[in-house]
Amino acid sequence: MPFLFALIATLNVNHTPHHWHMSCERWQKRSQEIMVDENLPYSERIKIVYYLRTKVKGDCPVLS
């Protein structure tokens, strides 16, 4: 849970939600890293991955 709070604090301090984006490749990599992080509850991992997906413009397939 501390990771989630740190992520939210960093996003709020350094970025406004409407002014930053990430590449599809970066999102895919981060999504995989987040989903295997056992320090976060599964439901929180899903929320973070979905939130970050909103920062990718255009099509971006989910890697399995």
N, C-alpha and C. Protein backbone atom coordinates (compact mmCIF):
# COMPACT_ATOMS: atom_id res chain seq x y z
N MET A 1 0.80 -1.20 0.00
CA MET A 1 0.00 0.00 0.00
C MET A 1 0.85 1.27 0.00
N PRO A 2 2.03 1.27 0.67
CA PRO A 2 2.85 2.48 0.62
C PRO A 2 3.24 2.87 -0.80
N PHE A 3 3.46 1.88 -1.67
CA PHE A 3 3.80 2.18 -3.06
C PHE A 3 2.69 2.96 -3.73
N LEU A 4 1.45 2.56 -3.48
CA LEU A 4 0.31 3.24 -4.09
C LEU A 4 0.25 4.70 -3.65
N PHE A 5 0.43 4.94 -2.36
CA PHE A 5 0.41 6.31 -1.87
C PHE A 5 1.55 7.13 -2.45
N ALA A 6 2.73 6.52 -2.57
CA ALA A 6 3.87 7.21 -3.16
C ALA A 6 3.60 7.53 -4.62
N LEU A 7 3.00 6.60 -5.35
CA LEU A 7 2.67 6.83 -6.76
C LEU A 7 1.70 8.00 -6.90
N ILE A 8 0.66 7.99 -6.11
CA ILE A 8 -0.34 9.06 -6.19
C ILE A 8 0.27 10.40 -5.80
N ALA A 9 1.07 10.42 -4.75
CA ALA A 9 1.70 11.67 -4.32
C ALA A 9 2.63 12.20 -5.41
N THR A 10 3.39 11.32 -6.03
CA THR A 10 4.29 11.74 -7.10
C THR A 10 3.52 12.30 -8.28
N LEU A 11 2.45 11.64 -8.66
CA LEU A 11 1.66 12.11 -9.78
C LEU A 11 1.03 13.46 -9.48
N ASN A 12 0.56 13.64 -8.27
CA ASN A 12 -0.08 14.90 -7.91
C ASN A 12 0.90 16.05 -7.81
N VAL A 13 2.11 15.79 -7.38
CA VAL A 13 3.10 16.85 -7.20
C VAL A 13 3.77 17.21 -8.52
N ASN A 14 4.13 16.20 -9.30
CA ASN A 14 4.95 16.43 -10.48
C ASN A 14 4.17 16.59 -11.78
N HIS A 15 2.95 16.18 -11.81
CA HIS A 15 2.20 16.19 -13.05
C HIS A 15 0.75 16.57 -12.79
N THR A 16 0.17 17.19 -13.76
CA THR A 16 -1.27 17.30 -13.71
C THR A 16 -1.79 16.16 -14.58
N PRO A 17 -2.87 15.52 -14.21
CA PRO A 17 -3.30 14.31 -14.90
C PRO A 17 -3.54 14.47 -16.39
N HIS A 18 -3.81 15.67 -16.85
CA HIS A 18 -4.16 15.85 -18.25
C HIS A 18 -2.97 16.17 -19.14
N HIS A 19 -1.79 16.31 -18.57
CA HIS A 19 -0.67 16.82 -19.35
C HIS A 19 0.50 15.86 -19.50
N TRP A 20 0.32 14.61 -19.23
CA TRP A 20 1.41 13.68 -19.45
C TRP A 20 0.87 12.40 -20.07
N HIS A 21 1.74 11.74 -20.80
CA HIS A 21 1.38 10.51 -21.50
C HIS A 21 2.55 9.54 -21.40
N MET A 22 2.28 8.30 -21.69
CA MET A 22 3.35 7.31 -21.76
C MET A 22 3.17 6.51 -23.03
N SER A 23 4.27 5.96 -23.51
CA SER A 23 4.20 5.17 -24.74
C SER A 23 3.56 3.82 -24.46
N CYS A 24 3.07 3.20 -25.51
CA CYS A 24 2.48 1.87 -25.39
C CYS A 24 3.51 0.89 -24.83
N GLU A 25 4.71 0.94 -25.34
CA GLU A 25 5.76 0.02 -24.89
C GLU A 25 6.06 0.20 -23.40
N ARG A 26 6.12 1.44 -22.97
CA ARG A 26 6.38 1.72 -21.55
C ARG A 26 5.22 1.21 -20.69
N TRP A 27 4.00 1.43 -21.13
CA TRP A 27 2.84 0.96 -20.38
C TRP A 27 2.85 -0.57 -20.29
N GLN A 28 3.15 -1.25 -21.38
CA GLN A 28 3.19 -2.70 -21.36
C GLN A 28 4.23 -3.21 -20.36
N LYS A 29 5.40 -2.59 -20.37
CA LYS A 29 6.48 -3.00 -19.45
C LYS A 29 6.07 -2.75 -18.00
N ARG A 30 5.58 -1.55 -17.73
CA ARG A 30 5.18 -1.21 -16.35
C ARG A 30 4.01 -2.06 -15.88
N SER A 31 3.08 -2.36 -16.77
CA SER A 31 1.94 -3.20 -16.41
C SER A 31 2.40 -4.57 -15.96
N GLN A 32 3.34 -5.15 -16.69
CA GLN A 32 3.86 -6.46 -16.31
C GLN A 32 4.57 -6.40 -14.96
N GLU A 33 5.35 -5.34 -14.73
CA GLU A 33 6.05 -5.19 -13.46
C GLU A 33 5.06 -5.03 -12.30
N ILE A 34 4.05 -4.23 -12.52
CA ILE A 34 3.05 -4.00 -11.47
C ILE A 34 2.29 -5.28 -11.15
N MET A 35 1.92 -6.03 -12.17
CA MET A 35 1.09 -7.22 -11.96
C MET A 35 1.83 -8.34 -11.21
N VAL A 36 3.14 -8.34 -11.21
CA VAL A 36 3.87 -9.37 -10.46
C VAL A 36 4.34 -8.88 -9.10
N ASP A 37 4.03 -7.64 -8.75
CA ASP A 37 4.43 -7.06 -7.47
C ASP A 37 3.51 -7.59 -6.37
N GLU A 38 4.00 -8.54 -5.61
CA GLU A 38 3.17 -9.16 -4.57
C GLU A 38 3.04 -8.29 -3.33
N ASN A 39 3.69 -7.14 -3.30
CA ASN A 39 3.55 -6.21 -2.18
C ASN A 39 2.25 -5.41 -2.27
N LEU A 40 1.62 -5.46 -3.43
CA LEU A 40 0.35 -4.76 -3.63
C LEU A 40 -0.79 -5.77 -3.73
N PRO A 41 -1.92 -5.45 -3.14
CA PRO A 41 -3.09 -6.32 -3.33
C PRO A 41 -3.47 -6.34 -4.82
N TYR A 42 -4.00 -7.47 -5.24
CA TYR A 42 -4.36 -7.65 -6.65
C TYR A 42 -5.28 -6.53 -7.15
N SER A 43 -6.26 -6.16 -6.36
CA SER A 43 -7.21 -5.12 -6.80
C SER A 43 -6.50 -3.78 -7.03
N GLU A 44 -5.49 -3.46 -6.23
CA GLU A 44 -4.74 -2.22 -6.40
C GLU A 44 -3.87 -2.28 -7.66
N ARG A 45 -3.30 -3.44 -7.92
CA ARG A 45 -2.50 -3.60 -9.14
C ARG A 45 -3.35 -3.31 -10.37
N ILE A 46 -4.56 -3.86 -10.38
CA ILE A 46 -5.47 -3.66 -11.52
C ILE A 46 -5.80 -2.18 -11.67
N LYS A 47 -6.09 -1.51 -10.56
CA LYS A 47 -6.43 -0.08 -10.63
C LYS A 47 -5.28 0.74 -11.20
N ILE A 48 -4.06 0.46 -10.77
CA ILE A 48 -2.90 1.21 -11.27
C ILE A 48 -2.70 0.96 -12.75
N VAL A 49 -2.80 -0.29 -13.17
CA VAL A 49 -2.61 -0.63 -14.58
C VAL A 49 -3.67 0.06 -15.44
N TYR A 50 -4.92 0.03 -15.00
CA TYR A 50 -5.98 0.70 -15.76
C TYR A 50 -5.77 2.21 -15.80
N TYR A 51 -5.35 2.78 -14.69
CA TYR A 51 -5.10 4.23 -14.67
C TYR A 51 -3.99 4.58 -15.66
N LEU A 52 -2.89 3.85 -15.60
CA LEU A 52 -1.77 4.15 -16.50
C LEU A 52 -2.18 3.97 -17.95
N ARG A 53 -3.09 3.03 -18.22
CA ARG A 53 -3.54 2.83 -19.60
C ARG A 53 -4.23 4.08 -20.14
N THR A 54 -4.85 4.85 -19.27
CA THR A 54 -5.51 6.08 -19.72
C THR A 54 -4.50 7.11 -20.19
N LYS A 55 -3.24 6.91 -19.89
CA LYS A 55 -2.18 7.84 -20.27
C LYS A 55 -1.52 7.47 -21.59
N VAL A 56 -1.99 6.38 -22.21
CA VAL A 56 -1.46 5.94 -23.50
C VAL A 56 -2.45 6.36 -24.58
N LYS A 57 -1.94 7.02 -25.60
CA LYS A 57 -2.81 7.43 -26.70
C LYS A 57 -2.84 6.31 -27.75
N GLY A 58 -4.04 6.05 -28.27
CA GLY A 58 -4.18 5.09 -29.36
C GLY A 58 -4.27 3.64 -28.89
N ASP A 59 -4.20 2.75 -29.88
CA ASP A 59 -4.29 1.32 -29.59
C ASP A 59 -3.03 0.84 -28.90
N CYS A 60 -3.22 -0.08 -27.99
CA CYS A 60 -2.09 -0.66 -27.28
C CYS A 60 -2.52 -2.00 -26.71
N PRO A 61 -2.12 -3.09 -27.34
CA PRO A 61 -2.58 -4.38 -26.89
C PRO A 61 -1.99 -4.77 -25.54
N VAL A 62 -2.75 -5.55 -24.81
CA VAL A 62 -2.28 -6.09 -23.53
C VAL A 62 -1.42 -7.31 -23.83
N LEU A 63 -0.24 -7.35 -23.26
CA LEU A 63 0.62 -8.51 -23.45
C LEU A 63 0.23 -9.59 -22.45
N SER A 64 0.29 -10.85 -22.89
CA SER A 64 -0.06 -11.92 -21.95
C SER A 64 1.17 -12.61 -21.44
